[in-house]
Amino acid sequence: MKGICVVSPEFPTGNGKVDLHLKCGEKMGVIEVKSFESFLKTQSAKSQAAAYAKSLGLEGVTVALFVPVRDEAVLAKLSGESSVDGVRVAVVAIGWG
């Protein structure tokens, strides 16, 4: 059906991650949902997300990074867009707590 978009979760298989697969017509996308643990692990998450997107044939991926602070400066520093192994990775830090 034209104009209908589908969001379907890929449930974790014991590794604690959840991915949201998006499909609108022929357009597809992935949002990886992660919890902030450290800056180093965030860098690793970006590489893992890029590899996953590449395996699906996607040009980009979004990482929704949940951070247990509400400080806008911290969230802005963690958010951003970069290219990892030829894949556009957008990190959106979401504050909570």
PDB file of N, CA and C in Angstrom:
ATOM      1  N   MET A   1       0.836  -1.177   0.000  1.00  0.00           N
ATOM      2  CA  MET A   1       0.000   0.000   0.000  1.00  0.00           C
ATOM      3  C   MET A   1       0.883   1.244   0.000  1.00  0.00           C
ATOM      4  N   LYS A   2       0.538   2.169  -0.827  1.00  0.00           N
ATOM      5  CA  LYS A   2       1.307   3.405  -0.904  1.00  0.00           C
ATOM      6  C   LYS A   2       1.063   4.260   0.340  1.00  0.00           C
ATOM      7  N   GLY A   3       2.133   4.847   0.858  1.00  0.00           N
ATOM      8  CA  GLY A   3       2.018   5.722   2.016  1.00  0.00           C
ATOM      9  C   GLY A   3       2.033   5.002   3.352  1.00  0.00           C
ATOM     10  N   ILE A   4       2.179   3.685   3.333  1.00  0.00           N
ATOM     11  CA  ILE A   4       2.214   2.920   4.575  1.00  0.00           C
ATOM     12  C   ILE A   4       3.663   2.580   4.906  1.00  0.00           C
ATOM     13  N   CYS A   5       4.051   2.887   6.131  1.00  0.00           N
ATOM     14  CA  CYS A   5       5.394   2.551   6.602  1.00  0.00           C
ATOM     15  C   CYS A   5       5.273   1.517   7.707  1.00  0.00           C
ATOM     16  N   VAL A   6       6.248   0.640   7.766  1.00  0.00           N
ATOM     17  CA  VAL A   6       6.252  -0.427   8.757  1.00  0.00           C
ATOM     18  C   VAL A   6       7.513  -0.314   9.599  1.00  0.00           C
ATOM     19  N   VAL A   7       7.337  -0.396  10.917  1.00  0.00           N
ATOM     20  CA  VAL A   7       8.463  -0.439  11.844  1.00  0.00           C
ATOM     21  C   VAL A   7       8.363  -1.772  12.564  1.00  0.00           C
ATOM     22  N   SER A   8       9.410  -2.587  12.426  1.00  0.00           N
ATOM     23  CA  SER A   8       9.381  -3.891  13.083  1.00  0.00           C
ATOM     24  C   SER A   8      10.651  -4.090  13.889  1.00  0.00           C
ATOM     25  N   PRO A   9      10.510  -4.526  15.139  1.00  0.00           N
ATOM     26  CA  PRO A   9      11.704  -4.746  15.970  1.00  0.00           C
ATOM     27  C   PRO A   9      12.338  -6.091  15.658  1.00  0.00           C
ATOM     28  N   GLU A  10      13.650  -6.112  15.753  1.00  0.00           N
ATOM     29  CA  GLU A  10      14.382  -7.373  15.734  1.00  0.00           C
ATOM     30  C   GLU A  10      14.760  -7.597  17.183  1.00  0.00           C
ATOM     31  N   PHE A  11      14.168  -8.579  17.793  1.00  0.00           N
ATOM     32  CA  PHE A  11      14.351  -8.780  19.224  1.00  0.00           C
ATOM     33  C   PHE A  11      15.719  -9.346  19.523  1.00  0.00           C
ATOM     34  N   PRO A  12      16.230  -9.050  20.714  1.00  0.00           N
ATOM     35  CA  PRO A  12      17.573  -9.503  21.066  1.00  0.00           C
ATOM     36  C   PRO A  12      17.681 -11.020  21.103  1.00  0.00           C
ATOM     37  N   THR A  13      18.851 -11.471  20.806  1.00  0.00           N
ATOM     38  CA  THR A  13      19.123 -12.907  20.840  1.00  0.00           C
ATOM     39  C   THR A  13      20.119 -13.186  21.968  1.00  0.00           C
ATOM     40  N   GLY A  14      19.956 -12.491  23.077  1.00  0.00           N
ATOM     41  CA  GLY A  14      20.818 -12.719  24.222  1.00  0.00           C
ATOM     42  C   GLY A  14      21.942 -11.712  24.341  1.00  0.00           C
ATOM     43  N   ASN A  15      22.098 -10.828  23.338  1.00  0.00           N
ATOM     44  CA  ASN A  15      23.200  -9.862  23.414  1.00  0.00           C
ATOM     45  C   ASN A  15      22.736  -8.498  23.907  1.00  0.00           C
ATOM     46  N   GLY A  16      21.460  -8.359  24.252  1.00  0.00           N
ATOM     47  CA  GLY A  16      20.962  -7.132  24.852  1.00  0.00           C
ATOM     48  C   GLY A  16      20.656  -6.014  23.883  1.00  0.00           C
ATOM     49  N   LYS A  17      20.730  -6.248  22.594  1.00  0.00           N
ATOM     50  CA  LYS A  17      20.465  -5.177  21.643  1.00  0.00           C
ATOM     51  C   LYS A  17      19.076  -5.331  21.034  1.00  0.00           C
ATOM     52  N   VAL A  18      18.536  -4.226  20.584  1.00  0.00           N
ATOM     53  CA  VAL A  18      17.276  -4.219  19.846  1.00  0.00           C
ATOM     54  C   VAL A  18      17.489  -3.336  18.628  1.00  0.00           C
ATOM     55  N   ASP A  19      17.102  -3.825  17.481  1.00  0.00           N
ATOM     56  CA  ASP A  19      17.163  -3.036  16.258  1.00  0.00           C
ATOM     57  C   ASP A  19      15.743  -2.808  15.779  1.00  0.00           C
ATOM     58  N   LEU A  20      15.507  -1.624  15.239  1.00  0.00           N
ATOM     59  CA  LEU A  20      14.218  -1.325  14.626  1.00  0.00           C
ATOM     60  C   LEU A  20      14.438  -1.257  13.120  1.00  0.00           C
ATOM     61  N   HIS A  21      13.709  -2.068  12.388  1.00  0.00           N
ATOM     62  CA  HIS A  21      13.782  -2.066  10.934  1.00  0.00           C
ATOM     63  C   HIS A  21      12.617  -1.237  10.404  1.00  0.00           C
ATOM     64  N   LEU A  22      12.917  -0.300   9.508  1.00  0.00           N
ATOM     65  CA  LEU A  22      11.910   0.591   8.941  1.00  0.00           C
ATOM     66  C   LEU A  22      11.773   0.311   7.455  1.00  0.00           C
ATOM     67  N   LYS A  23      10.549   0.321   6.974  1.00  0.00           N
ATOM     68  CA  LYS A  23      10.316   0.127   5.546  1.00  0.00           C
ATOM     69  C   LYS A  23       9.154   1.009   5.116  1.00  0.00           C
ATOM     70  N   CYS A  24       9.428   1.882   4.166  1.00  0.00           N
ATOM     71  CA  CYS A  24       8.418   2.755   3.572  1.00  0.00           C
ATOM     72  C   CYS A  24       8.520   2.561   2.062  1.00  0.00           C
ATOM     73  N   GLY A  25       7.610   1.796   1.511  1.00  0.00           N
ATOM     74  CA  GLY A  25       7.705   1.478   0.093  1.00  0.00           C
ATOM     75  C   GLY A  25       8.985   0.704  -0.157  1.00  0.00           C
ATOM     76  N   GLU A  26       9.817   1.218  -1.044  1.00  0.00           N
ATOM     77  CA  GLU A  26      11.087   0.566  -1.353  1.00  0.00           C
ATOM     78  C   GLU A  26      12.226   1.034  -0.451  1.00  0.00           C
ATOM     79  N   LYS A  27      11.999   2.072   0.357  1.00  0.00           N
ATOM     80  CA  LYS A  27      13.042   2.599   1.237  1.00  0.00           C
ATOM     81  C   LYS A  27      13.111   1.765   2.513  1.00  0.00           C
ATOM     82  N   MET A  28      14.341   1.450   2.898  1.00  0.00           N
ATOM     83  CA  MET A  28      14.556   0.675   4.116  1.00  0.00           C
ATOM     84  C   MET A  28      15.572   1.386   4.993  1.00  0.00           C
ATOM     85  N   GLY A  29      15.476   1.169   6.296  1.00  0.00           N
ATOM     86  CA  GLY A  29      16.422   1.749   7.231  1.00  0.00           C
ATOM     87  C   GLY A  29      16.482   0.937   8.504  1.00  0.00           C
ATOM     88  N   VAL A  30      17.503   1.240   9.311  1.00  0.00           N
ATOM     89  CA  VAL A  30      17.684   0.549  10.586  1.00  0.00           C
ATOM     90  C   VAL A  30      18.043   1.573  11.652  1.00  0.00           C
ATOM     91  N   ILE A  31      17.422   1.414  12.815  1.00  0.00           N
ATOM     92  CA  ILE A  31      17.803   2.180  14.002  1.00  0.00           C
ATOM     93  C   ILE A  31      18.286   1.163  15.025  1.00  0.00           C
ATOM     94  N   GLU A  32      19.533   1.318  15.449  1.00  0.00           N
ATOM     95  CA  GLU A  32      20.066   0.470  16.509  1.00  0.00           C
ATOM     96  C   GLU A  32      19.866   1.204  17.825  1.00  0.00           C
ATOM     97  N   VAL A  33      19.309   0.535  18.816  1.00  0.00           N
ATOM     98  CA  VAL A  33      19.053   1.123  20.123  1.00  0.00           C
ATOM     99  C   VAL A  33      20.136   0.637  21.078  1.00  0.00           C
ATOM    100  N   LYS A  34      20.855   1.592  21.676  1.00  0.00           N
ATOM    101  CA  LYS A  34      21.954   1.262  22.578  1.00  0.00           C
ATOM    102  C   LYS A  34      21.840   2.087  23.859  1.00  0.00           C
ATOM    103  N   SER A  35      22.404   1.568  24.944  1.00  0.00           N
ATOM    104  CA  SER A  35      22.549   2.301  26.195  1.00  0.00           C
ATOM    105  C   SER A  35      23.987   2.762  26.301  1.00  0.00           C
ATOM    106  N   PHE A  36      24.176   4.015  26.714  1.00  0.00           N
ATOM    107  CA  PHE A  36      25.524   4.543  26.869  1.00  0.00           C
ATOM    108  C   PHE A  36      26.224   3.847  28.025  1.00  0.00           C
ATOM    109  N   GLU A  37      27.447   3.370  27.756  1.00  0.00           N
ATOM    110  CA  GLU A  37      28.283   2.796  28.803  1.00  0.00           C
ATOM    111  C   GLU A  37      29.577   3.584  28.939  1.00  0.00           C
ATOM    112  N   SER A  38      30.175   3.918  27.810  1.00  0.00           N
ATOM    113  CA  SER A  38      31.402   4.702  27.804  1.00  0.00           C
ATOM    114  C   SER A  38      31.608   5.245  26.397  1.00  0.00           C
ATOM    115  N   PHE A  39      32.464   6.263  26.290  1.00  0.00           N
ATOM    116  CA  PHE A  39      32.751   6.826  24.974  1.00  0.00           C
ATOM    117  C   PHE A  39      33.384   5.773  24.078  1.00  0.00           C
ATOM    118  N   LEU A  40      34.287   4.971  24.608  1.00  0.00           N
ATOM    119  CA  LEU A  40      34.945   3.930  23.825  1.00  0.00           C
ATOM    120  C   LEU A  40      33.938   2.917  23.293  1.00  0.00           C
ATOM    121  N   LYS A  41      32.993   2.506  24.133  1.00  0.00           N
ATOM    122  CA  LYS A  41      31.981   1.549  23.685  1.00  0.00           C
ATOM    123  C   LYS A  41      31.044   2.181  22.652  1.00  0.00           C
ATOM    124  N   THR A  42      30.851   3.494  22.732  1.00  0.00           N
ATOM    125  CA  THR A  42      30.034   4.175  21.726  1.00  0.00           C
ATOM    126  C   THR A  42      30.724   4.113  20.369  1.00  0.00           C
ATOM    127  N   GLN A  43      32.040   4.281  20.345  1.00  0.00           N
ATOM    128  CA  GLN A  43      32.790   4.175  19.090  1.00  0.00           C
ATOM    129  C   GLN A  43      32.679   2.764  18.521  1.00  0.00           C
ATOM    130  N   SER A  44      32.762   1.776  19.375  1.00  0.00           N
ATOM    131  CA  SER A  44      32.614   0.385  18.957  1.00  0.00           C
ATOM    132  C   SER A  44      31.206   0.123  18.424  1.00  0.00           C
ATOM    133  N   ALA A  45      30.204   0.707  19.071  1.00  0.00           N
ATOM    134  CA  ALA A  45      28.817   0.545  18.631  1.00  0.00           C
ATOM    135  C   ALA A  45      28.616   1.120  17.230  1.00  0.00           C
ATOM    136  N   LYS A  46      29.291   2.239  16.930  1.00  0.00           N
ATOM    137  CA  LYS A  46      29.196   2.843  15.599  1.00  0.00           C
ATOM    138  C   LYS A  46      29.775   1.906  14.543  1.00  0.00           C
ATOM    139  N   SER A  47      30.899   1.288  14.841  1.00  0.00           N
ATOM    140  CA  SER A  47      31.517   0.350  13.903  1.00  0.00           C
ATOM    141  C   SER A  47      30.629  -0.870  13.688  1.00  0.00           C
ATOM    142  N   GLN A  48      30.064  -1.375  14.768  1.00  0.00           N
ATOM    143  CA  GLN A  48      29.183  -2.542  14.684  1.00  0.00           C
ATOM    144  C   GLN A  48      27.929  -2.207  13.887  1.00  0.00           C
ATOM    145  N   ALA A  49      27.362  -1.023  14.123  1.00  0.00           N
ATOM    146  CA  ALA A  49      26.158  -0.603  13.399  1.00  0.00           C
ATOM    147  C   ALA A  49      26.454  -0.444  11.908  1.00  0.00           C
ATOM    148  N   ALA A  50      27.615   0.110  11.582  1.00  0.00           N
ATOM    149  CA  ALA A  50      27.997   0.276  10.175  1.00  0.00           C
ATOM    150  C   ALA A  50      28.137  -1.077   9.489  1.00  0.00           C
ATOM    151  N   ALA A  51      28.769  -2.024  10.162  1.00  0.00           N
ATOM    152  CA  ALA A  51      28.937  -3.364   9.589  1.00  0.00           C
ATOM    153  C   ALA A  51      27.576  -4.026   9.372  1.00  0.00           C
ATOM    154  N   TYR A  52      26.670  -3.848  10.325  1.00  0.00           N
ATOM    155  CA  TYR A  52      25.329  -4.427  10.203  1.00  0.00           C
ATOM    156  C   TYR A  52      24.581  -3.800   9.025  1.00  0.00           C
ATOM    157  N   ALA A  53      24.634  -2.467   8.914  1.00  0.00           N
ATOM    158  CA  ALA A  53      23.969  -1.791   7.799  1.00  0.00           C
ATOM    159  C   ALA A  53      24.544  -2.254   6.465  1.00  0.00           C
ATOM    160  N   LYS A  54      25.852  -2.365   6.411  1.00  0.00           N
ATOM    161  CA  LYS A  54      26.506  -2.807   5.177  1.00  0.00           C
ATOM    162  C   LYS A  54      26.052  -4.217   4.801  1.00  0.00           C
ATOM    163  N   SER A  55      25.907  -5.096   5.804  1.00  0.00           N
ATOM    164  CA  SER A  55      25.467  -6.467   5.535  1.00  0.00           C
ATOM    165  C   SER A  55      24.040  -6.512   4.987  1.00  0.00           C
ATOM    166  N   LEU A  56      23.254  -5.467   5.299  1.00  0.00           N
ATOM    167  CA  LEU A  56      21.879  -5.372   4.792  1.00  0.00           C
ATOM    168  C   LEU A  56      21.803  -4.610   3.466  1.00  0.00           C
ATOM    169  N   GLY A  57      22.961  -4.116   3.005  1.00  0.00           N
ATOM    170  CA  GLY A  57      22.987  -3.352   1.761  1.00  0.00           C
ATOM    171  C   GLY A  57      22.514  -1.916   1.925  1.00  0.00           C
ATOM    172  N   LEU A  58      22.577  -1.375   3.142  1.00  0.00           N
ATOM    173  CA  LEU A  58      22.134  -0.015   3.403  1.00  0.00           C
ATOM    174  C   LEU A  58      23.311   0.952   3.371  1.00  0.00           C
ATOM    175  N   GLU A  59      23.046   2.185   2.976  1.00  0.00           N
ATOM    176  CA  GLU A  59      24.076   3.209   2.920  1.00  0.00           C
ATOM    177  C   GLU A  59      24.273   3.918   4.252  1.00  0.00           C
ATOM    178  N   GLY A  60      23.291   3.787   5.165  1.00  0.00           N
ATOM    179  CA  GLY A  60      23.365   4.489   6.433  1.00  0.00           C
ATOM    180  C   GLY A  60      22.602   3.772   7.525  1.00  0.00           C
ATOM    181  N   VAL A  61      22.878   4.183   8.759  1.00  0.00           N
ATOM    182  CA  VAL A  61      22.233   3.608   9.932  1.00  0.00           C
ATOM    183  C   VAL A  61      22.166   4.694  10.998  1.00  0.00           C
ATOM    184  N   THR A  62      21.163   4.601  11.861  1.00  0.00           N
ATOM    185  CA  THR A  62      21.044   5.522  12.988  1.00  0.00           C
ATOM    186  C   THR A  62      21.200   4.736  14.275  1.00  0.00           C
ATOM    187  N   VAL A  63      21.986   5.285  15.193  1.00  0.00           N
ATOM    188  CA  VAL A  63      22.148   4.706  16.525  1.00  0.00           C
ATOM    189  C   VAL A  63      21.425   5.629  17.501  1.00  0.00           C
ATOM    190  N   ALA A  64      20.376   5.112  18.142  1.00  0.00           N
ATOM    191  CA  ALA A  64      19.682   5.843  19.202  1.00  0.00           C
ATOM    192  C   ALA A  64      20.383   5.473  20.502  1.00  0.00           C
ATOM    193  N   LEU A  65      21.117   6.432  21.063  1.00  0.00           N
ATOM    194  CA  LEU A  65      21.952   6.188  22.225  1.00  0.00           C
ATOM    195  C   LEU A  65      21.305   6.801  23.463  1.00  0.00           C
ATOM    196  N   PHE A  66      20.837   5.964  24.369  1.00  0.00           N
ATOM    197  CA  PHE A  66      20.190   6.446  25.585  1.00  0.00           C
ATOM    198  C   PHE A  66      21.249   6.696  26.653  1.00  0.00           C
ATOM    199  N   VAL A  67      21.276   7.935  27.152  1.00  0.00           N
ATOM    200  CA  VAL A  67      22.305   8.393  28.076  1.00  0.00           C
ATOM    201  C   VAL A  67      21.617   8.851  29.365  1.00  0.00           C
ATOM    202  N   PRO A  68      22.091   8.395  30.538  1.00  0.00           N
ATOM    203  CA  PRO A  68      21.405   8.727  31.794  1.00  0.00           C
ATOM    204  C   PRO A  68      21.711  10.121  32.326  1.00  0.00           C
ATOM    205  N   VAL A  69      21.677  11.128  31.448  1.00  0.00           N
ATOM    206  CA  VAL A  69      21.835  12.531  31.835  1.00  0.00           C
ATOM    207  C   VAL A  69      20.894  13.376  30.983  1.00  0.00           C
ATOM    208  N   ARG A  70      20.647  14.598  31.430  1.00  0.00           N
ATOM    209  CA  ARG A  70      19.829  15.517  30.641  1.00  0.00           C
ATOM    210  C   ARG A  70      20.624  16.742  30.207  1.00  0.00           C
ATOM    211  N   ASP A  71      21.917  16.745  30.443  1.00  0.00           N
ATOM    212  CA  ASP A  71      22.794  17.865  30.098  1.00  0.00           C
ATOM    213  C   ASP A  71      22.909  17.963  28.567  1.00  0.00           C
ATOM    214  N   GLU A  72      22.362  19.044  28.010  1.00  0.00           N
ATOM    215  CA  GLU A  72      22.346  19.215  26.551  1.00  0.00           C
ATOM    216  C   GLU A  72      23.741  19.248  25.944  1.00  0.00           C
ATOM    217  N   ALA A  73      24.725  19.774  26.678  1.00  0.00           N
ATOM    218  CA  ALA A  73      26.102  19.818  26.166  1.00  0.00           C
ATOM    219  C   ALA A  73      26.664  18.407  26.012  1.00  0.00           C
ATOM    220  N   VAL A  74      26.392  17.548  26.970  1.00  0.00           N
ATOM    221  CA  VAL A  74      26.856  16.154  26.901  1.00  0.00           C
ATOM    222  C   VAL A  74      26.165  15.439  25.746  1.00  0.00           C
ATOM    223  N   LEU A  75      24.859  15.618  25.638  1.00  0.00           N
ATOM    224  CA  LEU A  75      24.108  14.959  24.570  1.00  0.00           C
ATOM    225  C   LEU A  75      24.574  15.430  23.199  1.00  0.00           C
ATOM    226  N   ALA A  76      24.856  16.718  23.073  1.00  0.00           N
ATOM    227  CA  ALA A  76      25.337  17.264  21.793  1.00  0.00           C
ATOM    228  C   ALA A  76      26.707  16.694  21.436  1.00  0.00           C
ATOM    229  N   LYS A  77      27.559  16.518  22.435  1.00  0.00           N
ATOM    230  CA  LYS A  77      28.905  15.980  22.187  1.00  0.00           C
ATOM    231  C   LYS A  77      28.847  14.524  21.724  1.00  0.00           C
ATOM    232  N   LEU A  78      27.888  13.760  22.239  1.00  0.00           N
ATOM    233  CA  LEU A  78      27.754  12.355  21.867  1.00  0.00           C
ATOM    234  C   LEU A  78      27.022  12.168  20.536  1.00  0.00           C
ATOM    235  N   SER A  79      26.226  13.143  20.143  1.00  0.00           N
ATOM    236  CA  SER A  79      25.460  13.058  18.894  1.00  0.00           C
ATOM    237  C   SER A  79      26.310  13.517  17.723  1.00  0.00           C
ATOM    238  N   GLY A  80      25.938  13.044  16.549  1.00  0.00           N
ATOM    239  CA  GLY A  80      26.638  13.499  15.350  1.00  0.00           C
ATOM    240  C   GLY A  80      26.572  12.467  14.245  1.00  0.00           C
ATOM    241  N   GLU A  81      27.150  12.831  13.131  1.00  0.00           N
ATOM    242  CA  GLU A  81      27.143  11.967  11.959  1.00  0.00           C
ATOM    243  C   GLU A  81      28.570  11.799  11.462  1.00  0.00           C
ATOM    244  N   SER A  82      28.895  10.572  11.065  1.00  0.00           N
ATOM    245  CA  SER A  82      30.218  10.295  10.523  1.00  0.00           C
ATOM    246  C   SER A  82      30.119   9.153   9.522  1.00  0.00           C
ATOM    247  N   SER A  83      31.196   8.941   8.813  1.00  0.00           N
ATOM    248  CA  SER A  83      31.270   7.830   7.872  1.00  0.00           C
ATOM    249  C   SER A  83      32.175   6.762   8.484  1.00  0.00           C
ATOM    250  N   VAL A  84      31.657   5.549   8.553  1.00  0.00           N
ATOM    251  CA  VAL A  84      32.418   4.425   9.095  1.00  0.00           C
ATOM    252  C   VAL A  84      32.429   3.334   8.038  1.00  0.00           C
ATOM    253  N   ASP A  85      33.591   3.066   7.488  1.00  0.00           N
ATOM    254  CA  ASP A  85      33.745   2.041   6.457  1.00  0.00           C
ATOM    255  C   ASP A  85      32.773   2.265   5.295  1.00  0.00           C
ATOM    256  N   GLY A  86      32.600   3.539   4.922  1.00  0.00           N
ATOM    257  CA  GLY A  86      31.750   3.881   3.794  1.00  0.00           C
ATOM    258  C   GLY A  86      30.263   3.928   4.088  1.00  0.00           C
ATOM    259  N   VAL A  87      29.885   3.776   5.342  1.00  0.00           N
ATOM    260  CA  VAL A  87      28.479   3.808   5.758  1.00  0.00           C
ATOM    261  C   VAL A  87      28.261   5.060   6.607  1.00  0.00           C
ATOM    262  N   ARG A  88      27.192   5.807   6.325  1.00  0.00           N
ATOM    263  CA  ARG A  88      26.853   6.989   7.111  1.00  0.00           C
ATOM    264  C   ARG A  88      26.227   6.523   8.422  1.00  0.00           C
ATOM    265  N   VAL A  89      26.844   6.910   9.541  1.00  0.00           N
ATOM    266  CA  VAL A  89      26.339   6.538  10.864  1.00  0.00           C
ATOM    267  C   VAL A  89      25.942   7.816  11.588  1.00  0.00           C
ATOM    268  N   ALA A  90      24.659   7.913  11.922  1.00  0.00           N
ATOM    269  CA  ALA A  90      24.139   9.056  12.677  1.00  0.00           C
ATOM    270  C   ALA A  90      23.867   8.582  14.100  1.00  0.00           C
ATOM    271  N   VAL A  91      24.475   9.256  15.079  1.00  0.00           N
ATOM    272  CA  VAL A  91      24.225   8.950  16.481  1.00  0.00           C
ATOM    273  C   VAL A  91      23.352  10.041  17.049  1.00  0.00           C
ATOM    274  N   VAL A  92      22.248   9.647  17.660  1.00  0.00           N
ATOM    275  CA  VAL A  92      21.332  10.583  18.306  1.00  0.00           C
ATOM    276  C   VAL A  92      21.295  10.216  19.778  1.00  0.00           C
ATOM    277  N   ALA A  93      21.910  11.059  20.602  1.00  0.00           N
ATOM    278  CA  ALA A  93      21.931  10.817  22.039  1.00  0.00           C
ATOM    279  C   ALA A  93      20.624  11.339  22.655  1.00  0.00           C
ATOM    280  N   ILE A  94      19.987  10.489  23.428  1.00  0.00           N
ATOM    281  CA  ILE A  94      18.706  10.800  24.050  1.00  0.00           C
ATOM    282  C   ILE A  94      18.880  10.750  25.554  1.00  0.00           C
ATOM    283  N   GLY A  95      18.649  11.869  26.219  1.00  0.00           N
ATOM    284  CA  GLY A  95      18.844  11.937  27.658  1.00  0.00           C
ATOM    285  C   GLY A  95      17.648  11.405  28.424  1.00  0.00           C
ATOM    286  N   TRP A  96      17.925  10.815  29.565  1.00  0.00           N
ATOM    287  CA  TRP A  96      16.880  10.349  30.462  1.00  0.00           C
ATOM    288  C   TRP A  96      17.430  10.403  31.891  1.00  0.00           C
ATOM    289  N   GLY A  97      16.553  10.324  32.813  1.00  0.00           N
ATOM    290  CA  GLY A  97      16.993  10.286  34.207  1.00  0.00           C
ATOM    291  C   GLY A  97      16.634  11.521  34.962  1.00  0.00           C
TER     292      GLY A  97
END
